[in-house]
């Protein structure tokens, strides 16, 4: 595993910060770990702040990640996602969101952590 996960419990949601290498395996692994944490700690909303090193994932890689996300806990109502690496194409995050939504996940992509926090305050309660 070449990623690090830091959790910050917030009122009403779990804020997770992910750093490390940007690979299909790392993204798939950290998403599974985040799902397990939310289930164990009874969080219905998670803010994932991702800052993974390296180029962004390709469309094919994103499809593989979404396909590999086998189980999202039933308690998890919202995944609010921010990719803070400025080298990554925001359009690819929108593509990932569309794939996730088609699999029945409730995902919101924000451009900044502040925008994500504000959205959670209004919509994810």
N, C-alpha and C. Protein backbone atom coordinates (compact mmCIF):
# COMPACT_ATOMS: atom_id res chain seq x y z
N UNK A 1 0.86 -1.18 0.00
CA UNK A 1 0.00 0.00 0.00
C UNK A 1 0.90 1.23 0.00
N UNK A 2 0.72 2.07 -1.00
CA UNK A 2 1.54 3.28 -1.05
C UNK A 2 0.67 4.53 -1.02
N UNK A 3 -0.24 4.55 -0.05
CA UNK A 3 -1.04 5.74 0.22
C UNK A 3 -1.17 5.89 1.73
N UNK A 4 -1.48 7.11 2.16
CA UNK A 4 -1.71 7.37 3.57
C UNK A 4 -3.11 7.97 3.70
N UNK A 5 -3.81 7.52 4.73
CA UNK A 5 -5.17 7.97 4.99
C UNK A 5 -5.19 8.66 6.35
N UNK A 6 -5.68 9.89 6.37
CA UNK A 6 -5.84 10.63 7.61
C UNK A 6 -7.33 10.93 7.77
N UNK A 7 -7.88 10.66 8.95
CA UNK A 7 -9.30 10.92 9.16
C UNK A 7 -9.48 12.04 10.17
N UNK A 8 -10.46 12.89 9.88
CA UNK A 8 -10.83 13.99 10.76
C UNK A 8 -12.35 13.95 10.97
N UNK A 9 -12.81 13.39 12.08
CA UNK A 9 -14.25 13.39 12.33
C UNK A 9 -14.77 14.83 12.48
N UNK A 10 -15.82 15.13 11.76
CA UNK A 10 -16.44 16.45 11.80
C UNK A 10 -17.90 16.26 12.21
N UNK A 11 -18.55 17.34 12.65
CA UNK A 11 -19.97 17.20 12.99
C UNK A 11 -20.78 16.81 11.75
N UNK A 12 -21.30 15.60 11.74
CA UNK A 12 -22.16 15.16 10.65
C UNK A 12 -21.48 14.46 9.49
N UNK A 13 -20.15 14.44 9.45
CA UNK A 13 -19.47 13.76 8.36
C UNK A 13 -18.03 13.42 8.75
N UNK A 14 -17.44 12.53 7.96
CA UNK A 14 -16.04 12.16 8.15
C UNK A 14 -15.23 12.79 7.03
N UNK A 15 -14.20 13.55 7.40
CA UNK A 15 -13.29 14.17 6.43
C UNK A 15 -12.05 13.27 6.35
N UNK A 16 -11.79 12.77 5.15
CA UNK A 16 -10.66 11.87 4.92
C UNK A 16 -9.70 12.55 3.96
N UNK A 17 -8.41 12.53 4.31
CA UNK A 17 -7.37 13.08 3.44
C UNK A 17 -6.50 11.91 2.98
N UNK A 18 -6.33 11.80 1.66
CA UNK A 18 -5.56 10.70 1.08
C UNK A 18 -4.38 11.27 0.32
N UNK A 19 -3.18 10.76 0.64
CA UNK A 19 -1.97 11.15 -0.07
C UNK A 19 -1.24 9.88 -0.50
N UNK A 20 -0.33 10.02 -1.44
CA UNK A 20 0.45 8.88 -1.90
C UNK A 20 0.52 8.87 -3.42
N UNK A 21 0.65 7.69 -3.99
CA UNK A 21 0.77 7.51 -5.44
C UNK A 21 -0.60 7.30 -6.06
N UNK A 22 -0.80 7.88 -7.24
CA UNK A 22 -2.07 7.77 -7.95
C UNK A 22 -2.05 6.52 -8.84
N UNK A 23 -2.57 5.42 -8.31
CA UNK A 23 -2.68 4.18 -9.06
C UNK A 23 -4.07 3.60 -8.89
N UNK A 24 -4.47 2.75 -9.82
CA UNK A 24 -5.77 2.09 -9.72
C UNK A 24 -5.86 1.31 -8.41
N UNK A 25 -4.81 0.59 -8.07
CA UNK A 25 -4.81 -0.21 -6.86
C UNK A 25 -4.98 0.66 -5.62
N UNK A 26 -4.26 1.78 -5.55
CA UNK A 26 -4.37 2.66 -4.38
C UNK A 26 -5.77 3.26 -4.25
N UNK A 27 -6.31 3.74 -5.37
CA UNK A 27 -7.64 4.37 -5.31
C UNK A 27 -8.69 3.33 -4.91
N UNK A 28 -8.63 2.15 -5.49
CA UNK A 28 -9.57 1.09 -5.14
C UNK A 28 -9.43 0.72 -3.67
N UNK A 29 -8.20 0.59 -3.20
CA UNK A 29 -7.96 0.20 -1.80
C UNK A 29 -8.43 1.27 -0.83
N UNK A 30 -8.11 2.54 -1.10
CA UNK A 30 -8.51 3.55 -0.13
C UNK A 30 -10.02 3.73 -0.11
N UNK A 31 -10.69 3.57 -1.27
CA UNK A 31 -12.16 3.67 -1.26
C UNK A 31 -12.78 2.57 -0.42
N UNK A 32 -12.24 1.36 -0.50
CA UNK A 32 -12.74 0.26 0.33
C UNK A 32 -12.50 0.55 1.81
N UNK A 33 -11.33 1.08 2.12
CA UNK A 33 -11.01 1.41 3.51
C UNK A 33 -11.92 2.52 4.04
N UNK A 34 -12.17 3.53 3.22
CA UNK A 34 -13.05 4.63 3.64
C UNK A 34 -14.47 4.10 3.88
N UNK A 35 -14.96 3.24 2.99
CA UNK A 35 -16.29 2.66 3.18
C UNK A 35 -16.39 1.90 4.49
N UNK A 36 -15.36 1.14 4.81
CA UNK A 36 -15.34 0.37 6.06
C UNK A 36 -15.32 1.30 7.27
N UNK A 37 -14.51 2.37 7.21
CA UNK A 37 -14.45 3.34 8.30
C UNK A 37 -15.82 4.00 8.53
N UNK A 38 -16.48 4.39 7.44
CA UNK A 38 -17.78 5.04 7.57
C UNK A 38 -18.81 4.09 8.19
N UNK A 39 -18.75 2.84 7.79
CA UNK A 39 -19.67 1.86 8.35
C UNK A 39 -19.40 1.65 9.84
N UNK A 40 -18.14 1.47 10.20
CA UNK A 40 -17.77 1.24 11.60
C UNK A 40 -18.11 2.43 12.49
N UNK A 41 -17.90 3.65 11.97
CA UNK A 41 -18.09 4.85 12.77
C UNK A 41 -19.45 5.51 12.54
N UNK A 42 -20.29 4.87 11.72
CA UNK A 42 -21.68 5.31 11.49
C UNK A 42 -21.78 6.70 10.86
N UNK A 43 -20.95 6.95 9.84
CA UNK A 43 -21.03 8.21 9.09
C UNK A 43 -21.82 7.98 7.81
N UNK A 44 -22.79 8.85 7.55
CA UNK A 44 -23.59 8.77 6.33
C UNK A 44 -22.99 9.61 5.21
N UNK A 45 -22.08 10.52 5.55
CA UNK A 45 -21.44 11.39 4.57
C UNK A 45 -19.95 11.38 4.80
N UNK A 46 -19.21 11.33 3.69
CA UNK A 46 -17.75 11.40 3.77
C UNK A 46 -17.24 12.43 2.77
N UNK A 47 -16.32 13.25 3.21
CA UNK A 47 -15.60 14.19 2.36
C UNK A 47 -14.22 13.57 2.11
N UNK A 48 -13.95 13.22 0.86
CA UNK A 48 -12.66 12.66 0.49
C UNK A 48 -11.84 13.75 -0.18
N UNK A 49 -10.75 14.13 0.48
CA UNK A 49 -9.81 15.12 -0.05
C UNK A 49 -8.60 14.33 -0.55
N UNK A 50 -8.51 14.20 -1.86
CA UNK A 50 -7.47 13.37 -2.46
C UNK A 50 -6.37 14.23 -3.05
N UNK A 51 -5.12 13.92 -2.68
CA UNK A 51 -3.97 14.59 -3.28
C UNK A 51 -2.94 13.51 -3.58
N UNK A 52 -3.21 12.75 -4.63
CA UNK A 52 -2.32 11.66 -5.02
C UNK A 52 -1.33 12.14 -6.07
N UNK A 53 -0.09 11.69 -5.94
CA UNK A 53 1.00 12.10 -6.84
C UNK A 53 0.93 11.33 -8.14
N UNK A 54 1.34 12.00 -9.21
CA UNK A 54 1.39 11.35 -10.51
C UNK A 54 0.27 11.83 -11.40
N UNK A 55 0.33 11.37 -12.64
CA UNK A 55 -0.69 11.81 -13.58
C UNK A 55 -2.06 11.28 -13.18
N UNK A 56 -3.08 11.95 -13.68
CA UNK A 56 -4.44 11.52 -13.41
C UNK A 56 -4.72 10.17 -14.06
N UNK A 57 -5.72 9.49 -13.55
CA UNK A 57 -6.09 8.20 -14.12
C UNK A 57 -6.77 8.41 -15.48
N UNK A 58 -6.60 7.45 -16.37
CA UNK A 58 -7.25 7.49 -17.67
C UNK A 58 -8.72 7.10 -17.53
N UNK A 59 -9.50 7.30 -18.58
CA UNK A 59 -10.90 6.89 -18.55
C UNK A 59 -11.01 5.39 -18.27
N UNK A 60 -10.16 4.61 -18.90
CA UNK A 60 -10.18 3.16 -18.69
C UNK A 60 -9.87 2.83 -17.23
N UNK A 61 -8.86 3.50 -16.65
CA UNK A 61 -8.51 3.26 -15.25
C UNK A 61 -9.65 3.65 -14.32
N UNK A 62 -10.30 4.76 -14.61
CA UNK A 62 -11.43 5.21 -13.79
C UNK A 62 -12.55 4.18 -13.86
N UNK A 63 -12.80 3.66 -15.05
CA UNK A 63 -13.82 2.62 -15.20
C UNK A 63 -13.46 1.40 -14.35
N UNK A 64 -12.18 1.00 -14.35
CA UNK A 64 -11.75 -0.14 -13.55
C UNK A 64 -11.98 0.12 -12.06
N UNK A 65 -11.66 1.34 -11.59
CA UNK A 65 -11.85 1.68 -10.17
C UNK A 65 -13.33 1.57 -9.80
N UNK A 66 -14.19 2.20 -10.59
CA UNK A 66 -15.62 2.20 -10.29
C UNK A 66 -16.16 0.76 -10.32
N UNK A 67 -15.70 -0.03 -11.26
CA UNK A 67 -16.13 -1.43 -11.34
C UNK A 67 -15.68 -2.22 -10.12
N UNK A 68 -14.51 -1.89 -9.57
CA UNK A 68 -13.97 -2.61 -8.42
C UNK A 68 -14.59 -2.20 -7.09
N UNK A 69 -15.27 -1.07 -7.07
CA UNK A 69 -15.91 -0.64 -5.82
C UNK A 69 -17.13 -1.54 -5.62
N UNK A 70 -16.89 -2.66 -4.97
CA UNK A 70 -17.90 -3.70 -4.87
C UNK A 70 -18.98 -3.40 -3.84
N UNK A 71 -18.58 -2.90 -2.70
CA UNK A 71 -19.56 -2.69 -1.65
C UNK A 71 -19.37 -1.33 -1.00
N UNK A 72 -20.38 -0.52 -1.13
CA UNK A 72 -20.42 0.74 -0.40
C UNK A 72 -21.44 0.53 0.71
N UNK A 73 -21.08 0.79 1.95
CA UNK A 73 -22.01 0.54 3.05
C UNK A 73 -23.34 1.26 2.85
N UNK A 74 -24.42 0.58 3.23
CA UNK A 74 -25.74 1.15 3.10
C UNK A 74 -25.93 2.44 3.87
N UNK A 75 -25.16 2.61 4.94
CA UNK A 75 -25.26 3.83 5.75
C UNK A 75 -24.75 5.05 4.98
N UNK A 76 -23.87 4.85 4.03
CA UNK A 76 -23.21 5.96 3.34
C UNK A 76 -24.15 6.56 2.29
N UNK A 77 -24.63 7.77 2.59
CA UNK A 77 -25.56 8.45 1.70
C UNK A 77 -24.84 9.33 0.68
N UNK A 78 -23.75 9.98 1.09
CA UNK A 78 -23.05 10.91 0.19
C UNK A 78 -21.55 10.71 0.26
N UNK A 79 -20.92 10.71 -0.91
CA UNK A 79 -19.47 10.80 -1.04
C UNK A 79 -19.20 12.13 -1.71
N UNK A 80 -18.56 13.04 -0.99
CA UNK A 80 -18.21 14.35 -1.52
C UNK A 80 -16.71 14.33 -1.77
N UNK A 81 -16.32 14.61 -3.00
CA UNK A 81 -14.96 14.33 -3.43
C UNK A 81 -14.27 15.59 -3.94
N UNK A 82 -13.02 15.79 -3.49
CA UNK A 82 -12.19 16.91 -3.97
C UNK A 82 -10.83 16.35 -4.33
N UNK A 83 -10.41 16.58 -5.58
CA UNK A 83 -9.06 16.21 -6.01
C UNK A 83 -8.23 17.49 -5.95
N UNK A 84 -7.30 17.57 -5.00
CA UNK A 84 -6.54 18.81 -4.80
C UNK A 84 -5.26 18.86 -5.62
N UNK A 85 -4.96 17.82 -6.41
CA UNK A 85 -3.77 17.85 -7.25
C UNK A 85 -4.08 18.69 -8.49
N UNK A 86 -3.42 19.85 -8.66
CA UNK A 86 -3.74 20.74 -9.78
C UNK A 86 -3.35 20.17 -11.14
N UNK A 87 -2.56 19.11 -11.16
CA UNK A 87 -2.17 18.49 -12.43
C UNK A 87 -3.26 17.58 -12.99
N UNK A 88 -4.23 17.21 -12.17
CA UNK A 88 -5.29 16.30 -12.61
C UNK A 88 -6.41 17.06 -13.31
N UNK A 89 -6.93 16.47 -14.36
CA UNK A 89 -8.00 17.06 -15.17
C UNK A 89 -9.33 16.97 -14.43
N UNK A 90 -9.94 18.12 -14.09
CA UNK A 90 -11.23 18.08 -13.39
C UNK A 90 -12.32 17.37 -14.21
N UNK A 91 -12.20 17.38 -15.51
CA UNK A 91 -13.17 16.70 -16.35
C UNK A 91 -13.20 15.20 -16.10
N UNK A 92 -12.06 14.63 -15.74
CA UNK A 92 -12.01 13.20 -15.44
C UNK A 92 -12.74 12.89 -14.14
N UNK A 93 -12.72 13.82 -13.21
CA UNK A 93 -13.46 13.62 -11.96
C UNK A 93 -14.96 13.65 -12.25
N UNK A 94 -15.37 14.52 -13.16
CA UNK A 94 -16.78 14.56 -13.56
C UNK A 94 -17.18 13.23 -14.22
N UNK A 95 -16.29 12.68 -15.04
CA UNK A 95 -16.52 11.39 -15.68
C UNK A 95 -16.67 10.30 -14.61
N UNK A 96 -15.79 10.29 -13.63
CA UNK A 96 -15.85 9.30 -12.54
C UNK A 96 -17.16 9.43 -11.78
N UNK A 97 -17.59 10.66 -11.54
CA UNK A 97 -18.86 10.87 -10.84
C UNK A 97 -20.02 10.29 -11.64
N UNK A 98 -20.03 10.53 -12.94
CA UNK A 98 -21.11 10.00 -13.78
C UNK A 98 -21.16 8.48 -13.72
N UNK A 99 -20.00 7.83 -13.79
CA UNK A 99 -19.96 6.37 -13.69
C UNK A 99 -20.48 5.89 -12.33
N UNK A 100 -20.04 6.58 -11.28
CA UNK A 100 -20.47 6.19 -9.93
C UNK A 100 -21.97 6.36 -9.75
N UNK A 101 -22.51 7.45 -10.25
CA UNK A 101 -23.95 7.70 -10.15
C UNK A 101 -24.72 6.62 -10.89
N UNK A 102 -24.21 6.19 -12.02
CA UNK A 102 -24.89 5.14 -12.78
C UNK A 102 -24.87 3.80 -12.05
N UNK A 103 -23.95 3.65 -11.10
CA UNK A 103 -23.91 2.44 -10.27
C UNK A 103 -24.72 2.62 -8.99
N UNK A 104 -25.41 3.75 -8.87
CA UNK A 104 -26.29 3.96 -7.73
C UNK A 104 -25.65 4.68 -6.56
N UNK A 105 -24.46 5.22 -6.74
CA UNK A 105 -23.79 5.95 -5.66
C UNK A 105 -24.16 7.42 -5.72
N UNK A 106 -24.25 8.04 -4.57
CA UNK A 106 -24.52 9.48 -4.50
C UNK A 106 -23.19 10.18 -4.30
N UNK A 107 -22.68 10.75 -5.38
CA UNK A 107 -21.35 11.37 -5.38
C UNK A 107 -21.48 12.82 -5.82
N UNK A 108 -20.76 13.66 -5.13
CA UNK A 108 -20.67 15.09 -5.47
C UNK A 108 -19.19 15.41 -5.65
N UNK A 109 -18.82 16.05 -6.75
CA UNK A 109 -17.44 16.47 -6.98
C UNK A 109 -17.39 17.97 -6.77
N UNK A 110 -16.46 18.40 -5.93
CA UNK A 110 -16.25 19.83 -5.68
C UNK A 110 -14.83 20.18 -6.07
N UNK A 111 -14.59 21.43 -6.37
CA UNK A 111 -13.26 21.86 -6.80
C UNK A 111 -12.35 22.25 -5.64
N UNK A 112 -12.95 22.60 -4.49
CA UNK A 112 -12.16 22.97 -3.31
C UNK A 112 -12.76 22.33 -2.07
N UNK A 113 -11.95 22.20 -1.03
CA UNK A 113 -12.43 21.67 0.24
C UNK A 113 -13.48 22.60 0.83
N UNK A 114 -13.27 23.89 0.72
CA UNK A 114 -14.24 24.85 1.25
C UNK A 114 -15.60 24.69 0.57
N UNK A 115 -15.58 24.56 -0.75
CA UNK A 115 -16.83 24.35 -1.49
C UNK A 115 -17.51 23.06 -1.01
N UNK A 116 -16.73 22.01 -0.79
CA UNK A 116 -17.28 20.74 -0.32
C UNK A 116 -17.92 20.89 1.05
N UNK A 117 -17.22 21.56 1.96
CA UNK A 117 -17.77 21.76 3.31
C UNK A 117 -19.08 22.54 3.26
N UNK A 118 -19.12 23.59 2.44
CA UNK A 118 -20.34 24.39 2.33
C UNK A 118 -21.48 23.57 1.74
N UNK A 119 -21.18 22.74 0.75
CA UNK A 119 -22.21 21.90 0.15
C UNK A 119 -22.76 20.90 1.17
N UNK A 120 -21.86 20.29 1.94
CA UNK A 120 -22.29 19.34 2.97
C UNK A 120 -23.21 20.02 3.97
N UNK A 121 -22.85 21.21 4.40
CA UNK A 121 -23.67 21.94 5.38
C UNK A 121 -25.09 22.16 4.88
N UNK A 122 -25.25 22.41 3.59
CA UNK A 122 -26.58 22.72 3.04
C UNK A 122 -27.33 21.47 2.59
N UNK A 123 -26.65 20.56 1.90
CA UNK A 123 -27.35 19.49 1.20
C UNK A 123 -27.24 18.10 1.79
N UNK A 124 -26.22 17.83 2.55
CA UNK A 124 -26.00 16.45 2.98
C UNK A 124 -26.56 16.14 4.36
N UNK A 125 -27.31 17.04 4.93
CA UNK A 125 -27.86 16.82 6.27
C UNK A 125 -29.15 16.04 6.19
